Amino acid sequence: MSDYSNYNLGGGDLSNKKQEVMDQVRSELALANAQELINKINEKCYLKCVPKPGSRLESGEQACLSKCMDRYMEAWNVVSRAYVSRLQRESQGGNL
């Protein structure tokens, strides 16, 4: 029984530990999202902009890749903001 009461007395420590775990999970999710973004950009833009791979990129290919990456990242950000906004509304009780 004393083990249980000691466990309850350390509630602040448990709360801190929970926050640390949550922060770690958020960090890992952010890293996974960044990796997903990079992989998708590489996949989509490279296929679109580099029809015949060679030893170097032509100037047109470089420009295409740059524009494609910019557009893809902008779209990713729009979708991400909308998703986060929706999650926040739903967590506040405003389910759609």
PDB file of N, CA and C in Angstrom:
ATOM      1  N   MET A   1       0.823  -1.192   0.000  1.00  0.00           N
ATOM      2  CA  MET A   1       0.000   0.000   0.000  1.00  0.00           C
ATOM      3  C   MET A   1       0.864   1.251   0.000  1.00  0.00           C
ATOM      4  N   SER A   2       2.008   1.211   0.663  1.00  0.00           N
ATOM      5  CA  SER A   2       2.862   2.384   0.716  1.00  0.00           C
ATOM      6  C   SER A   2       3.418   2.727  -0.665  1.00  0.00           C
ATOM      7  N   ASP A   3       3.650   1.723  -1.501  1.00  0.00           N
ATOM      8  CA  ASP A   3       4.122   1.998  -2.849  1.00  0.00           C
ATOM      9  C   ASP A   3       3.107   2.838  -3.617  1.00  0.00           C
ATOM     10  N   TYR A   4       1.843   2.515  -3.457  1.00  0.00           N
ATOM     11  CA  TYR A   4       0.783   3.242  -4.159  1.00  0.00           C
ATOM     12  C   TYR A   4       0.716   4.684  -3.674  1.00  0.00           C
ATOM     13  N   SER A   5       0.795   4.897  -2.356  1.00  0.00           N
ATOM     14  CA  SER A   5       0.706   6.259  -1.836  1.00  0.00           C
ATOM     15  C   SER A   5       1.927   7.069  -2.247  1.00  0.00           C
ATOM     16  N   ASN A   6       3.090   6.459  -2.305  1.00  0.00           N
ATOM     17  CA  ASN A   6       4.277   7.175  -2.774  1.00  0.00           C
ATOM     18  C   ASN A   6       4.132   7.546  -4.252  1.00  0.00           C
ATOM     19  N   TYR A   7       3.508   6.688  -4.998  1.00  0.00           N
ATOM     20  CA  TYR A   7       3.280   6.945  -6.420  1.00  0.00           C
ATOM     21  C   TYR A   7       2.381   8.168  -6.588  1.00  0.00           C
ATOM     22  N   ASN A   8       1.341   8.264  -5.756  1.00  0.00           N
ATOM     23  CA  ASN A   8       0.431   9.402  -5.834  1.00  0.00           C
ATOM     24  C   ASN A   8       1.102  10.696  -5.408  1.00  0.00           C
ATOM     25  N   LEU A   9       1.996  10.645  -4.453  1.00  0.00           N
ATOM     26  CA  LEU A   9       2.667  11.850  -3.996  1.00  0.00           C
ATOM     27  C   LEU A   9       3.565  12.431  -5.082  1.00  0.00           C
ATOM     28  N   GLY A  10       4.014  11.604  -5.991  1.00  0.00           N
ATOM     29  CA  GLY A  10       4.876  12.070  -7.072  1.00  0.00           C
ATOM     30  C   GLY A  10       4.091  12.483  -8.294  1.00  0.00           C
ATOM     31  N   GLY A  11       2.884  12.954  -8.124  1.00  0.00           N
ATOM     32  CA  GLY A  11       2.029  13.325  -9.249  1.00  0.00           C
ATOM     33  C   GLY A  11       2.651  14.362 -10.155  1.00  0.00           C
ATOM     34  N   GLY A  12       3.378  15.305  -9.576  1.00  0.00           N
ATOM     35  CA  GLY A  12       4.034  16.318 -10.391  1.00  0.00           C
ATOM     36  C   GLY A  12       5.086  15.696 -11.292  1.00  0.00           C
ATOM     37  N   ASP A  13       5.838  14.730 -10.738  1.00  0.00           N
ATOM     38  CA  ASP A  13       6.844  14.047 -11.542  1.00  0.00           C
ATOM     39  C   ASP A  13       6.195  13.261 -12.673  1.00  0.00           C
ATOM     40  N   LEU A  14       5.072  12.638 -12.380  1.00  0.00           N
ATOM     41  CA  LEU A  14       4.358  11.870 -13.404  1.00  0.00           C
ATOM     42  C   LEU A  14       3.861  12.799 -14.505  1.00  0.00           C
ATOM     43  N   SER A  15       3.371  13.946 -14.115  1.00  0.00           N
ATOM     44  CA  SER A  15       2.900  14.927 -15.088  1.00  0.00           C
ATOM     45  C   SER A  15       4.055  15.428 -15.954  1.00  0.00           C
ATOM     46  N   ASN A  16       5.193  15.684 -15.340  1.00  0.00           N
ATOM     47  CA  ASN A  16       6.374  16.121 -16.089  1.00  0.00           C
ATOM     48  C   ASN A  16       6.840  15.044 -17.057  1.00  0.00           C
ATOM     49  N   LYS A  17       6.829  13.813 -16.610  1.00  0.00           N
ATOM     50  CA  LYS A  17       7.241  12.697 -17.457  1.00  0.00           C
ATOM     51  C   LYS A  17       6.289  12.543 -18.636  1.00  0.00           C
ATOM     52  N   LYS A  18       4.994  12.695 -18.371  1.00  0.00           N
ATOM     53  CA  LYS A  18       3.997  12.606 -19.440  1.00  0.00           C
ATOM     54  C   LYS A  18       4.242  13.704 -20.468  1.00  0.00           C
ATOM     55  N   GLN A  19       4.533  14.910 -20.003  1.00  0.00           N
ATOM     56  CA  GLN A  19       4.802  16.024 -20.911  1.00  0.00           C
ATOM     57  C   GLN A  19       6.053  15.754 -21.742  1.00  0.00           C
ATOM     58  N   GLU A  20       7.078  15.186 -21.130  1.00  0.00           N
ATOM     59  CA  GLU A  20       8.302  14.860 -21.859  1.00  0.00           C
ATOM     60  C   GLU A  20       8.019  13.844 -22.960  1.00  0.00           C
ATOM     61  N   VAL A  21       7.225  12.836 -22.645  1.00  0.00           N
ATOM     62  CA  VAL A  21       6.874  11.819 -23.637  1.00  0.00           C
ATOM     63  C   VAL A  21       6.065  12.439 -24.772  1.00  0.00           C
ATOM     64  N   MET A  22       5.104  13.291 -24.422  1.00  0.00           N
ATOM     65  CA  MET A  22       4.297  13.961 -25.442  1.00  0.00           C
ATOM     66  C   MET A  22       5.169  14.843 -26.339  1.00  0.00           C
ATOM     67  N   ASP A  23       6.098  15.558 -25.748  1.00  0.00           N
ATOM     68  CA  ASP A  23       7.003  16.393 -26.528  1.00  0.00           C
ATOM     69  C   ASP A  23       7.858  15.552 -27.467  1.00  0.00           C
ATOM     70  N   GLN A  24       8.330  14.412 -26.976  1.00  0.00           N
ATOM     71  CA  GLN A  24       9.133  13.511 -27.799  1.00  0.00           C
ATOM     72  C   GLN A  24       8.316  12.974 -28.968  1.00  0.00           C
ATOM     73  N   VAL A  25       7.064  12.599 -28.715  1.00  0.00           N
ATOM     74  CA  VAL A  25       6.192  12.096 -29.776  1.00  0.00           C
ATOM     75  C   VAL A  25       5.944  13.188 -30.812  1.00  0.00           C
ATOM     76  N   ARG A  26       5.683  14.398 -30.353  1.00  0.00           N
ATOM     77  CA  ARG A  26       5.478  15.517 -31.287  1.00  0.00           C
ATOM     78  C   ARG A  26       6.709  15.754 -32.146  1.00  0.00           C
ATOM     79  N   SER A  27       7.862  15.684 -31.522  1.00  0.00           N
ATOM     80  CA  SER A  27       9.111  15.887 -32.243  1.00  0.00           C
ATOM     81  C   SER A  27       9.311  14.800 -33.304  1.00  0.00           C
ATOM     82  N   GLU A  28       9.032  13.558 -32.941  1.00  0.00           N
ATOM     83  CA  GLU A  28       9.179  12.454 -33.885  1.00  0.00           C
ATOM     84  C   GLU A  28       8.164  12.563 -35.026  1.00  0.00           C
ATOM     85  N   LEU A  29       6.956  13.017 -34.721  1.00  0.00           N
ATOM     86  CA  LEU A  29       5.960  13.211 -35.769  1.00  0.00           C
ATOM     87  C   LEU A  29       6.374  14.334 -36.720  1.00  0.00           C
ATOM     88  N   ALA A  30       6.922  15.401 -36.178  1.00  0.00           N
ATOM     89  CA  ALA A  30       7.384  16.507 -37.017  1.00  0.00           C
ATOM     90  C   ALA A  30       8.503  16.041 -37.939  1.00  0.00           C
ATOM     91  N   LEU A  31       9.410  15.244 -37.416  1.00  0.00           N
ATOM     92  CA  LEU A  31      10.494  14.707 -38.232  1.00  0.00           C
ATOM     93  C   LEU A  31       9.949  13.786 -39.323  1.00  0.00           C
ATOM     94  N   ALA A  32       9.005  12.932 -38.967  1.00  0.00           N
ATOM     95  CA  ALA A  32       8.390  12.029 -39.944  1.00  0.00           C
ATOM     96  C   ALA A  32       7.669  12.826 -41.037  1.00  0.00           C
ATOM     97  N   ASN A  33       6.981  13.888 -40.658  1.00  0.00           N
ATOM     98  CA  ASN A  33       6.297  14.733 -41.637  1.00  0.00           C
ATOM     99  C   ASN A  33       7.290  15.417 -42.573  1.00  0.00           C
ATOM    100  N   ALA A  34       8.398  15.897 -42.020  1.00  0.00           N
ATOM    101  CA  ALA A  34       9.419  16.538 -42.845  1.00  0.00           C
ATOM    102  C   ALA A  34      10.022  15.535 -43.830  1.00  0.00           C
ATOM    103  N   GLN A  35      10.281  14.329 -43.363  1.00  0.00           N
ATOM    104  CA  GLN A  35      10.825  13.297 -44.244  1.00  0.00           C
ATOM    105  C   GLN A  35       9.829  12.929 -45.335  1.00  0.00           C
ATOM    106  N   GLU A  36       8.569  12.842 -44.973  1.00  0.00           N
ATOM    107  CA  GLU A  36       7.516  12.550 -45.955  1.00  0.00           C
ATOM    108  C   GLU A  36       7.454  13.651 -47.009  1.00  0.00           C
ATOM    109  N   LEU A  37       7.525  14.892 -46.580  1.00  0.00           N
ATOM    110  CA  LEU A  37       7.500  16.026 -47.502  1.00  0.00           C
ATOM    111  C   LEU A  37       8.672  15.951 -48.478  1.00  0.00           C
ATOM    112  N   ILE A  38       9.853  15.715 -47.964  1.00  0.00           N
ATOM    113  CA  ILE A  38      11.042  15.637 -48.824  1.00  0.00           C
ATOM    114  C   ILE A  38      10.931  14.479 -49.806  1.00  0.00           C
ATOM    115  N   ASN A  39      10.480  13.334 -49.325  1.00  0.00           N
ATOM    116  CA  ASN A  39      10.329  12.176 -50.208  1.00  0.00           C
ATOM    117  C   ASN A  39       9.316  12.437 -51.313  1.00  0.00           C
ATOM    118  N   LYS A  40       8.188  13.040 -50.963  1.00  0.00           N
ATOM    119  CA  LYS A  40       7.155  13.337 -51.961  1.00  0.00           C
ATOM    120  C   LYS A  40       7.651  14.366 -52.969  1.00  0.00           C
ATOM    121  N   ILE A  41       8.348  15.388 -52.494  1.00  0.00           N
ATOM    122  CA  ILE A  41       8.893  16.394 -53.410  1.00  0.00           C
ATOM    123  C   ILE A  41       9.868  15.733 -54.382  1.00  0.00           C
ATOM    124  N   ASN A  42      10.766  14.914 -53.853  1.00  0.00           N
ATOM    125  CA  ASN A  42      11.723  14.230 -54.716  1.00  0.00           C
ATOM    126  C   ASN A  42      11.018  13.364 -55.747  1.00  0.00           C
ATOM    127  N   GLU A  43      10.044  12.606 -55.290  1.00  0.00           N
ATOM    128  CA  GLU A  43       9.327  11.696 -56.171  1.00  0.00           C
ATOM    129  C   GLU A  43       8.561  12.455 -57.253  1.00  0.00           C
ATOM    130  N   LYS A  44       7.722  13.380 -56.845  1.00  0.00           N
ATOM    131  CA  LYS A  44       6.844  14.075 -57.787  1.00  0.00           C
ATOM    132  C   LYS A  44       7.604  15.028 -58.702  1.00  0.00           C
ATOM    133  N   CYS A  45       8.441  15.867 -58.132  1.00  0.00           N
ATOM    134  CA  CYS A  45       9.105  16.896 -58.920  1.00  0.00           C
ATOM    135  C   CYS A  45      10.191  16.321 -59.821  1.00  0.00           C
ATOM    136  N   TYR A  46      10.918  15.353 -59.334  1.00  0.00           N
ATOM    137  CA  TYR A  46      11.970  14.763 -60.169  1.00  0.00           C
ATOM    138  C   TYR A  46      11.362  14.083 -61.388  1.00  0.00           C
ATOM    139  N   LEU A  47      10.295  13.325 -61.172  1.00  0.00           N
ATOM    140  CA  LEU A  47       9.651  12.658 -62.305  1.00  0.00           C
ATOM    141  C   LEU A  47       9.117  13.658 -63.326  1.00  0.00           C
ATOM    142  N   LYS A  48       8.601  14.776 -62.830  1.00  0.00           N
ATOM    143  CA  LYS A  48       8.016  15.787 -63.717  1.00  0.00           C
ATOM    144  C   LYS A  48       9.082  16.585 -64.454  1.00  0.00           C
ATOM    145  N   CYS A  49      10.161  16.928 -63.775  1.00  0.00           N
ATOM    146  CA  CYS A  49      11.107  17.909 -64.303  1.00  0.00           C
ATOM    147  C   CYS A  49      12.365  17.326 -64.944  1.00  0.00           C
ATOM    148  N   VAL A  50      12.655  16.072 -64.692  1.00  0.00           N
ATOM    149  CA  VAL A  50      13.890  15.485 -65.223  1.00  0.00           C
ATOM    150  C   VAL A  50      13.529  14.243 -66.051  1.00  0.00           C
ATOM    151  N   PRO A  51      13.111  14.469 -67.309  1.00  0.00           N
ATOM    152  CA  PRO A  51      12.674  13.340 -68.136  1.00  0.00           C
ATOM    153  C   PRO A  51      13.812  12.392 -68.518  1.00  0.00           C
ATOM    154  N   LYS A  52      15.020  12.947 -68.729  1.00  0.00           N
ATOM    155  CA  LYS A  52      16.177  12.135 -69.112  1.00  0.00           C
ATOM    156  C   LYS A  52      17.328  12.446 -68.160  1.00  0.00           C
ATOM    157  N   PRO A  53      17.457  11.674 -67.086  1.00  0.00           N
ATOM    158  CA  PRO A  53      18.535  11.947 -66.128  1.00  0.00           C
ATOM    159  C   PRO A  53      19.910  11.874 -66.788  1.00  0.00           C
ATOM    160  N   GLY A  54      20.763  12.790 -66.416  1.00  0.00           N
ATOM    161  CA  GLY A  54      22.124  12.826 -66.929  1.00  0.00           C
ATOM    162  C   GLY A  54      23.096  13.096 -65.801  1.00  0.00           C
ATOM    163  N   SER A  55      24.287  13.504 -66.171  1.00  0.00           N
ATOM    164  CA  SER A  55      25.322  13.752 -65.162  1.00  0.00           C
ATOM    165  C   SER A  55      25.112  15.089 -64.444  1.00  0.00           C
ATOM    166  N   ARG A  56      24.309  15.980 -65.051  1.00  0.00           N
ATOM    167  CA  ARG A  56      24.005  17.257 -64.394  1.00  0.00           C
ATOM    168  C   ARG A  56      22.616  17.716 -64.830  1.00  0.00           C
ATOM    169  N   LEU A  57      22.054  18.651 -64.057  1.00  0.00           N
ATOM    170  CA  LEU A  57      20.746  19.198 -64.386  1.00  0.00           C
ATOM    171  C   LEU A  57      20.890  20.369 -65.352  1.00  0.00           C
ATOM    172  N   GLU A  58      20.051  20.392 -66.362  1.00  0.00           N
ATOM    173  CA  GLU A  58      20.003  21.529 -67.271  1.00  0.00           C
ATOM    174  C   GLU A  58      19.340  22.696 -66.544  1.00  0.00           C
ATOM    175  N   SER A  59      19.523  23.904 -67.050  1.00  0.00           N
ATOM    176  CA  SER A  59      18.961  25.086 -66.381  1.00  0.00           C
ATOM    177  C   SER A  59      17.432  25.029 -66.338  1.00  0.00           C
ATOM    178  N   GLY A  60      16.805  24.517 -67.387  1.00  0.00           N
ATOM    179  CA  GLY A  60      15.349  24.376 -67.396  1.00  0.00           C
ATOM    180  C   GLY A  60      14.871  23.377 -66.356  1.00  0.00           C
ATOM    181  N   GLU A  61      15.640  22.308 -66.180  1.00  0.00           N
ATOM    182  CA  GLU A  61      15.301  21.305 -65.170  1.00  0.00           C
ATOM    183  C   GLU A  61      15.435  21.895 -63.770  1.00  0.00           C
ATOM    184  N   GLN A  62      16.478  22.687 -63.564  1.00  0.00           N
ATOM    185  CA  GLN A  62      16.682  23.333 -62.258  1.00  0.00           C
ATOM    186  C   GLN A  62      15.531  24.285 -61.948  1.00  0.00           C
ATOM    187  N   ALA A  63      15.135  25.076 -62.928  1.00  0.00           N
ATOM    188  CA  ALA A  63      14.037  26.022 -62.728  1.00  0.00           C
ATOM    189  C   ALA A  63      12.737  25.272 -62.454  1.00  0.00           C
ATOM    190  N   CYS A  64      12.494  24.210 -63.213  1.00  0.00           N
ATOM    191  CA  CYS A  64      11.285  23.404 -63.009  1.00  0.00           C
ATOM    192  C   CYS A  64      11.266  22.801 -61.604  1.00  0.00           C
ATOM    193  N   LEU A  65      12.392  22.234 -61.183  1.00  0.00           N
ATOM    194  CA  LEU A  65      12.478  21.643 -59.844  1.00  0.00           C
ATOM    195  C   LEU A  65      12.224  22.689 -58.764  1.00  0.00           C
ATOM    196  N   SER A  66      12.796  23.858 -58.926  1.00  0.00           N
ATOM    197  CA  SER A  66      12.622  24.924 -57.938  1.00  0.00           C
ATOM    198  C   SER A  66      11.158  25.334 -57.822  1.00  0.00           C
ATOM    199  N   LYS A  67      10.518  25.559 -58.964  1.00  0.00           N
ATOM    200  CA  LYS A  67       9.112  25.954 -58.950  1.00  0.00           C
ATOM    201  C   LYS A  67       8.227  24.839 -58.411  1.00  0.00           C
ATOM    202  N   CYS A  68       8.510  23.621 -58.816  1.00  0.00           N
ATOM    203  CA  CYS A  68       7.718  22.478 -58.351  1.00  0.00           C
ATOM    204  C   CYS A  68       7.828  22.323 -56.838  1.00  0.00           C
ATOM    205  N   MET A  69       9.053  22.439 -56.324  1.00  0.00           N
ATOM    206  CA  MET A  69       9.257  22.319 -54.882  1.00  0.00           C
ATOM    207  C   MET A  69       8.513  23.416 -54.134  1.00  0.00           C
ATOM    208  N   ASP A  70       8.590  24.640 -54.654  1.00  0.00           N
ATOM    209  CA  ASP A  70       7.889  25.758 -54.010  1.00  0.00           C
ATOM    210  C   ASP A  70       6.386  25.512 -53.971  1.00  0.00           C
ATOM    211  N   ARG A  71       5.820  25.102 -55.088  1.00  0.00           N
ATOM    212  CA  ARG A  71       4.373  24.853 -55.153  1.00  0.00           C
ATOM    213  C   ARG A  71       3.970  23.700 -54.235  1.00  0.00           C
ATOM    214  N   TYR A  72       4.765  22.640 -54.241  1.00  0.00           N
ATOM    215  CA  TYR A  72       4.441  21.480 -53.420  1.00  0.00           C
ATOM    216  C   TYR A  72       4.488  21.844 -51.939  1.00  0.00           C
ATOM    217  N   MET A  73       5.506  22.583 -51.537  1.00  0.00           N
ATOM    218  CA  MET A  73       5.620  22.977 -50.127  1.00  0.00           C
ATOM    219  C   MET A  73       4.495  23.930 -49.730  1.00  0.00           C
ATOM    220  N   GLU A  74       4.118  24.829 -50.620  1.00  0.00           N
ATOM    221  CA  GLU A  74       3.011  25.743 -50.337  1.00  0.00           C
ATOM    222  C   GLU A  74       1.705  24.958 -50.154  1.00  0.00           C
ATOM    223  N   ALA A  75       1.454  24.018 -51.052  1.00  0.00           N
ATOM    224  CA  ALA A  75       0.243  23.192 -50.936  1.00  0.00           C
ATOM    225  C   ALA A  75       0.274  22.371 -49.653  1.00  0.00           C
ATOM    226  N   TRP A  76       1.419  21.812 -49.317  1.00  0.00           N
ATOM    227  CA  TRP A  76       1.584  21.023 -48.089  1.00  0.00           C
ATOM    228  C   TRP A  76       1.245  21.879 -46.873  1.00  0.00           C
ATOM    229  N   ASN A  77       1.728  23.125 -46.867  1.00  0.00           N
ATOM    230  CA  ASN A  77       1.470  24.025 -45.741  1.00  0.00           C
ATOM    231  C   ASN A  77      -0.007  24.385 -45.637  1.00  0.00           C
ATOM    232  N   VAL A  78      -0.659  24.628 -46.760  1.00  0.00           N
ATOM    233  CA  VAL A  78      -2.092  24.944 -46.752  1.00  0.00           C
ATOM    234  C   VAL A  78      -2.880  23.777 -46.159  1.00  0.00           C
ATOM    235  N   VAL A  79      -2.580  22.580 -46.621  1.00  0.00           N
ATOM    236  CA  VAL A  79      -3.285  21.392 -46.134  1.00  0.00           C
ATOM    237  C   VAL A  79      -2.998  21.184 -44.644  1.00  0.00           C
ATOM    238  N   SER A  80      -1.744  21.346 -44.251  1.00  0.00           N
ATOM    239  CA  SER A  80      -1.372  21.157 -42.842  1.00  0.00           C
ATOM    240  C   SER A  80      -2.087  22.148 -41.929  1.00  0.00           C
ATOM    241  N   ARG A  81      -2.137  23.416 -42.339  1.00  0.00           N
ATOM    242  CA  ARG A  81      -2.831  24.426 -41.521  1.00  0.00           C
ATOM    243  C   ARG A  81      -4.319  24.116 -41.408  1.00  0.00           C
ATOM    244  N   ALA A  82      -4.921  23.704 -42.513  1.00  0.00           N
ATOM    245  CA  ALA A  82      -6.349  23.362 -42.482  1.00  0.00           C
ATOM    246  C   ALA A  82      -6.594  22.159 -41.574  1.00  0.00           C
ATOM    247  N   TYR A  83      -5.721  21.178 -41.625  1.00  0.00           N
ATOM    248  CA  TYR A  83      -5.861  19.989 -40.797  1.00  0.00           C
ATOM    249  C   TYR A  83      -5.722  20.332 -39.311  1.00  0.00           C
ATOM    250  N   VAL A  84      -4.709  21.121 -38.985  1.00  0.00           N
ATOM    251  CA  VAL A  84      -4.500  21.515 -37.590  1.00  0.00           C
ATOM    252  C   VAL A  84      -5.675  22.340 -37.095  1.00  0.00           C
ATOM    253  N   SER A  85      -6.160  23.239 -37.919  1.00  0.00           N
ATOM    254  CA  SER A  85      -7.311  24.057 -37.551  1.00  0.00           C
ATOM    255  C   SER A  85      -8.539  23.187 -37.279  1.00  0.00           C
ATOM    256  N   ARG A  86      -8.755  22.218 -38.123  1.00  0.00           N
ATOM    257  CA  ARG A  86      -9.893  21.314 -37.927  1.00  0.00           C
ATOM    258  C   ARG A  86      -9.748  20.507 -36.639  1.00  0.00           C
ATOM    259  N   LEU A  87      -8.552  20.008 -36.381  1.00  0.00           N
ATOM    260  CA  LEU A  87      -8.322  19.255 -35.144  1.00  0.00           C
ATOM    261  C   LEU A  87      -8.586  20.126 -33.921  1.00  0.00           C
ATOM    262  N   GLN A  88      -8.158  21.376 -33.983  1.00  0.00           N
ATOM    263  CA  GLN A  88      -8.369  22.290 -32.855  1.00  0.00           C
ATOM    264  C   GLN A  88      -9.849  22.554 -32.640  1.00  0.00           C
ATOM    265  N   ARG A  89     -10.583  22.763 -33.722  1.00  0.00           N
ATOM    266  CA  ARG A  89     -12.039  22.991 -33.596  1.00  0.00           C
ATOM    267  C   ARG A  89     -12.716  21.762 -33.007  1.00  0.00           C
ATOM    268  N   GLU A  90     -12.353  20.597 -33.474  1.00  0.00           N
ATOM    269  CA  GLU A  90     -12.972  19.373 -32.975  1.00  0.00           C
ATOM    270  C   GLU A  90     -12.630  19.113 -31.524  1.00  0.00           C
ATOM    271  N   SER A  91     -11.407  19.448 -31.119  1.00  0.00           N
ATOM    272  CA  SER A  91     -11.012  19.224 -29.720  1.00  0.00           C
ATOM    273  C   SER A  91     -11.708  20.204 -28.787  1.00  0.00           C
ATOM    274  N   GLN A  92     -12.203  21.320 -29.314  1.00  0.00           N
ATOM    275  CA  GLN A  92     -12.927  22.309 -28.511  1.00  0.00           C
ATOM    276  C   GLN A  92     -14.421  22.042 -28.510  1.00  0.00           C
ATOM    277  N   GLY A  93     -14.811  20.911 -29.063  1.00  0.00           N
ATOM    278  CA  GLY A  93     -16.221  20.546 -29.027  1.00  0.00           C
ATOM    279  C   GLY A  93     -17.019  20.991 -30.230  1.00  0.00           C
ATOM    280  N   GLY A  94     -16.365  21.590 -31.210  1.00  0.00           N
ATOM    281  CA  GLY A  94     -17.075  22.050 -32.402  1.00  0.00           C
ATOM    282  C   GLY A  94     -16.996  21.045 -33.525  1.00  0.00           C
ATOM    283  N   ASN A  95     -17.373  19.804 -33.238  1.00  0.00           N
ATOM    284  CA  ASN A  95     -17.310  18.760 -34.268  1.00  0.00           C
ATOM    285  C   ASN A  95     -18.124  19.153 -35.487  1.00  0.00           C
ATOM    286  N   LEU A  96     -17.589  18.772 -36.660  1.00  0.00           N
ATOM    287  CA  LEU A  96     -18.254  19.128 -37.913  1.00  0.00           C
ATOM    288  C   LEU A  96     -19.453  18.306 -38.175  1.00  0.00           C
TER     289      LEU A  96
END
